[in-house]
C-alpha atoms as a PDB file:
ATOM      1  CA  UNK A   1     -14.729  25.295  10.606  1.00  0.00           C
ATOM      2  CA  UNK A   2     -10.976  25.008  10.877  1.00  0.00           C
ATOM      3  CA  UNK A   3      -8.812  22.981  13.267  1.00  0.00           C
ATOM      4  CA  UNK A   4      -5.102  23.714  13.305  1.00  0.00           C
ATOM      5  CA  UNK A   5      -2.673  21.827  15.551  1.00  0.00           C
ATOM      6  CA  UNK A   6       1.013  22.657  15.947  1.00  0.00           C
ATOM      7  CA  UNK A   7       3.186  20.414  18.108  1.00  0.00           C
ATOM      8  CA  UNK A   8       6.880  21.175  18.592  1.00  0.00           C
ATOM      9  CA  UNK A   9       7.624  17.875  20.379  1.00  0.00           C
ATOM     10  CA  UNK A  10       5.889  14.528  20.773  1.00  0.00           C
ATOM     11  CA  UNK A  11       2.165  14.138  20.110  1.00  0.00           C
ATOM     12  CA  UNK A  12       0.627  10.871  21.224  1.00  0.00           C
ATOM     13  CA  UNK A  13      -2.877   9.461  21.207  1.00  0.00           C
ATOM     14  CA  UNK A  14      -4.435   6.188  22.304  1.00  0.00           C
ATOM     15  CA  UNK A  15      -7.870   4.780  21.496  1.00  0.00           C
ATOM     16  CA  UNK A  16      -9.183   1.781  23.451  1.00  0.00           C
ATOM     17  CA  UNK A  17     -11.952   1.017  20.935  1.00  0.00           C
ATOM     18  CA  UNK A  18     -12.610   1.778  17.283  1.00  0.00           C
ATOM     19  CA  UNK A  19     -11.436   4.993  15.613  1.00  0.00           C
ATOM     20  CA  UNK A  20     -13.069   6.343  12.470  1.00  0.00           C
ATOM     21  CA  UNK A  21     -11.799   9.244  10.382  1.00  0.00           C
ATOM     22  CA  UNK A  22     -13.845  10.741   7.560  1.00  0.00           C
ATOM     23  CA  UNK A  23     -12.293  13.434   5.359  1.00  0.00           C
ATOM     24  CA  UNK A  24     -14.723  15.220   3.054  1.00  0.00           C
ATOM     25  CA  UNK A  25     -12.051  16.711   0.776  1.00  0.00           C
ATOM     26  CA  UNK A  26      -8.333  16.147   0.158  1.00  0.00           C
ATOM     27  CA  UNK A  27      -5.994  14.820   2.860  1.00  0.00           C
ATOM     28  CA  UNK A  28      -2.220  15.066   2.869  1.00  0.00           C
ATOM     29  CA  UNK A  29       0.333  13.685   5.298  1.00  0.00           C
ATOM     30  CA  UNK A  30       4.012  14.652   5.125  1.00  0.00           C
ATOM     31  CA  UNK A  31       6.513  12.797   7.314  1.00  0.00           C
ATOM     32  CA  UNK A  32      10.023  14.260   7.492  1.00  0.00           C
ATOM     33  CA  UNK A  33      11.520  11.077   9.019  1.00  0.00           C
ATOM     34  CA  UNK A  34      10.571   7.413   9.073  1.00  0.00           C
ATOM     35  CA  UNK A  35       6.961   6.200   9.229  1.00  0.00           C
ATOM     36  CA  UNK A  36       5.856   2.809  10.514  1.00  0.00           C
ATOM     37  CA  UNK A  37       2.471   1.108  10.542  1.00  0.00           C
ATOM     38  CA  UNK A  38       2.025  -1.929  12.789  1.00  0.00           C
ATOM     39  CA  UNK A  39      -1.338  -3.570  12.162  1.00  0.00           C
ATOM     40  CA  UNK A  40      -2.469  -6.509  14.300  1.00  0.00           C
ATOM     41  CA  UNK A  41      -5.094  -7.689  11.791  1.00  0.00           C
ATOM     42  CA  UNK A  42      -5.949  -7.130   8.143  1.00  0.00           C
ATOM     43  CA  UNK A  43      -4.869  -3.922   6.364  1.00  0.00           C
ATOM     44  CA  UNK A  44      -6.897  -2.791   3.356  1.00  0.00           C
ATOM     45  CA  UNK A  45      -6.413   0.233   1.128  1.00  0.00           C
ATOM     46  CA  UNK A  46      -9.148   0.799  -1.423  1.00  0.00           C
ATOM     47  CA  UNK A  47      -8.889   3.524  -4.065  1.00  0.00           C
ATOM     48  CA  UNK A  48     -11.749   4.311  -6.420  1.00  0.00           C
ATOM     49  CA  UNK A  49      -9.362   6.024  -8.858  1.00  0.00           C
ATOM     50  CA  UNK A  50      -5.650   5.770  -9.693  1.00  0.00           C
ATOM     51  CA  UNK A  51      -2.892   4.775  -7.252  1.00  0.00           C
ATOM     52  CA  UNK A  52       0.764   5.725  -7.566  1.00  0.00           C
ATOM     53  CA  UNK A  53       3.714   4.589  -5.483  1.00  0.00           C
ATOM     54  CA  UNK A  54       7.101   6.243  -5.870  1.00  0.00           C
ATOM     55  CA  UNK A  55      10.194   5.047  -4.018  1.00  0.00           C
ATOM     56  CA  UNK A  56      13.316   7.222  -3.946  1.00  0.00           C
ATOM     57  CA  UNK A  57      15.615   4.310  -3.011  1.00  0.00           C
ATOM     58  CA  UNK A  58      15.370   0.544  -2.778  1.00  0.00           C
ATOM     59  CA  UNK A  59      11.897  -0.978  -2.559  1.00  0.00           C
ATOM     60  CA  UNK A  60      11.201  -4.403  -1.090  1.00  0.00           C
ATOM     61  CA  UNK A  61       7.974  -6.273  -0.475  1.00  0.00           C
ATOM     62  CA  UNK A  62       7.860  -9.463   1.552  1.00  0.00           C
ATOM     63  CA  UNK A  63       4.778 -11.672   1.673  1.00  0.00           C
ATOM     64  CA  UNK A  64       4.512 -14.532   4.149  1.00  0.00           C
ATOM     65  CA  UNK A  65       1.636 -16.191   2.296  1.00  0.00           C
ATOM     66  CA  UNK A  66       0.047 -16.092  -1.130  1.00  0.00           C
ATOM     67  CA  UNK A  67       0.144 -12.876  -3.179  1.00  0.00           C
ATOM     68  CA  UNK A  68      -1.758 -11.977  -6.312  1.00  0.00           C
ATOM     69  CA  UNK A  69      -1.795  -9.043  -8.730  1.00  0.00           C
ATOM     70  CA  UNK A  70      -4.556  -8.939 -11.302  1.00  0.00           C
ATOM     71  CA  UNK A  71      -5.080  -6.353 -14.038  1.00  0.00           C
ATOM     72  CA  UNK A  72      -8.147  -6.164 -16.250  1.00  0.00           C
ATOM     73  CA  UNK A  73      -6.169  -4.029 -18.716  1.00  0.00           C
ATOM     74  CA  UNK A  74      -2.642  -4.368 -20.196  1.00  0.00           C
ATOM     75  CA  UNK A  75       0.102  -3.984 -17.562  1.00  0.00           C
ATOM     76  CA  UNK A  76       3.751  -2.943 -17.845  1.00  0.00           C
ATOM     77  CA  UNK A  77       6.860  -3.379 -15.701  1.00  0.00           C
ATOM     78  CA  UNK A  78       9.996  -1.392 -16.509  1.00  0.00           C
ATOM     79  CA  UNK A  79      13.338  -2.337 -14.963  1.00  0.00           C
ATOM     80  CA  UNK A  80      17.046  -2.286 -15.733  1.00  0.00           C
ATOM     81  CA  UNK A  81      17.114  -5.939 -14.634  1.00  0.00           C
ATOM     82  CA  UNK A  82      14.188  -8.179 -13.686  1.00  0.00           C
ATOM     83  CA  UNK A  83      14.137 -11.652 -12.159  1.00  0.00           C
ATOM     84  CA  UNK A  84      10.788 -13.395 -12.276  1.00  0.00           C
ATOM     85  CA  UNK A  85       9.901 -16.839 -10.963  1.00  0.00           C
ATOM     86  CA  UNK A  86       6.658 -18.225 -12.327  1.00  0.00           C
ATOM     87  CA  UNK A  87       4.468 -20.882 -10.764  1.00  0.00           C
ATOM     88  CA  UNK A  88       0.823 -21.826 -10.748  1.00  0.00           C
ATOM     89  CA  UNK A  89      -1.340 -20.960  -7.793  1.00  0.00           C
ATOM     90  CA  UNK A  90      -2.915 -24.052  -6.261  1.00  0.00           C
ATOM     91  CA  UNK A  91      -6.151 -22.069  -5.830  1.00  0.00           C
ATOM     92  CA  UNK A  92      -6.738 -21.026  -9.417  1.00  0.00           C
ATOM     93  CA  UNK A  93      -5.772 -22.459 -12.790  1.00  0.00           C
ATOM     94  CA  UNK A  94      -4.336 -19.779 -15.061  1.00  0.00           C
ATOM     95  CA  UNK A  95      -4.325 -19.792 -18.881  1.00  0.00           C
ATOM     96  CA  UNK A  96      -1.077 -20.647 -20.669  1.00  0.00           C
ATOM     97  CA  UNK A  97       1.209 -17.676 -21.361  1.00  0.00           C
ATOM     98  CA  UNK A  98       1.462 -16.409 -24.937  1.00  0.00           C
ATOM     99  CA  UNK A  99       4.869 -16.306 -26.595  1.00  0.00           C
END
């Protein structure tokens, strides 16, 4: 079947327990203004294929704890200018970098 909703003003919803959404095909969300997600616990996004992130202006990520990026294949970063501070994680010993 088809469900079509059109709201000219504010649309609000509240769920006191768990909420599950299952989409059997493609899903698209377009936001004309700002979008904010406030998560009180963990937030996980899992993609079984490719992921792309495109930012039209400045992009900033702030991590209050440890952060890790791991690639099983070659990786590339392109930038006009790049500042990188390297350090070893106390949790895992990493191999020495190649020159």
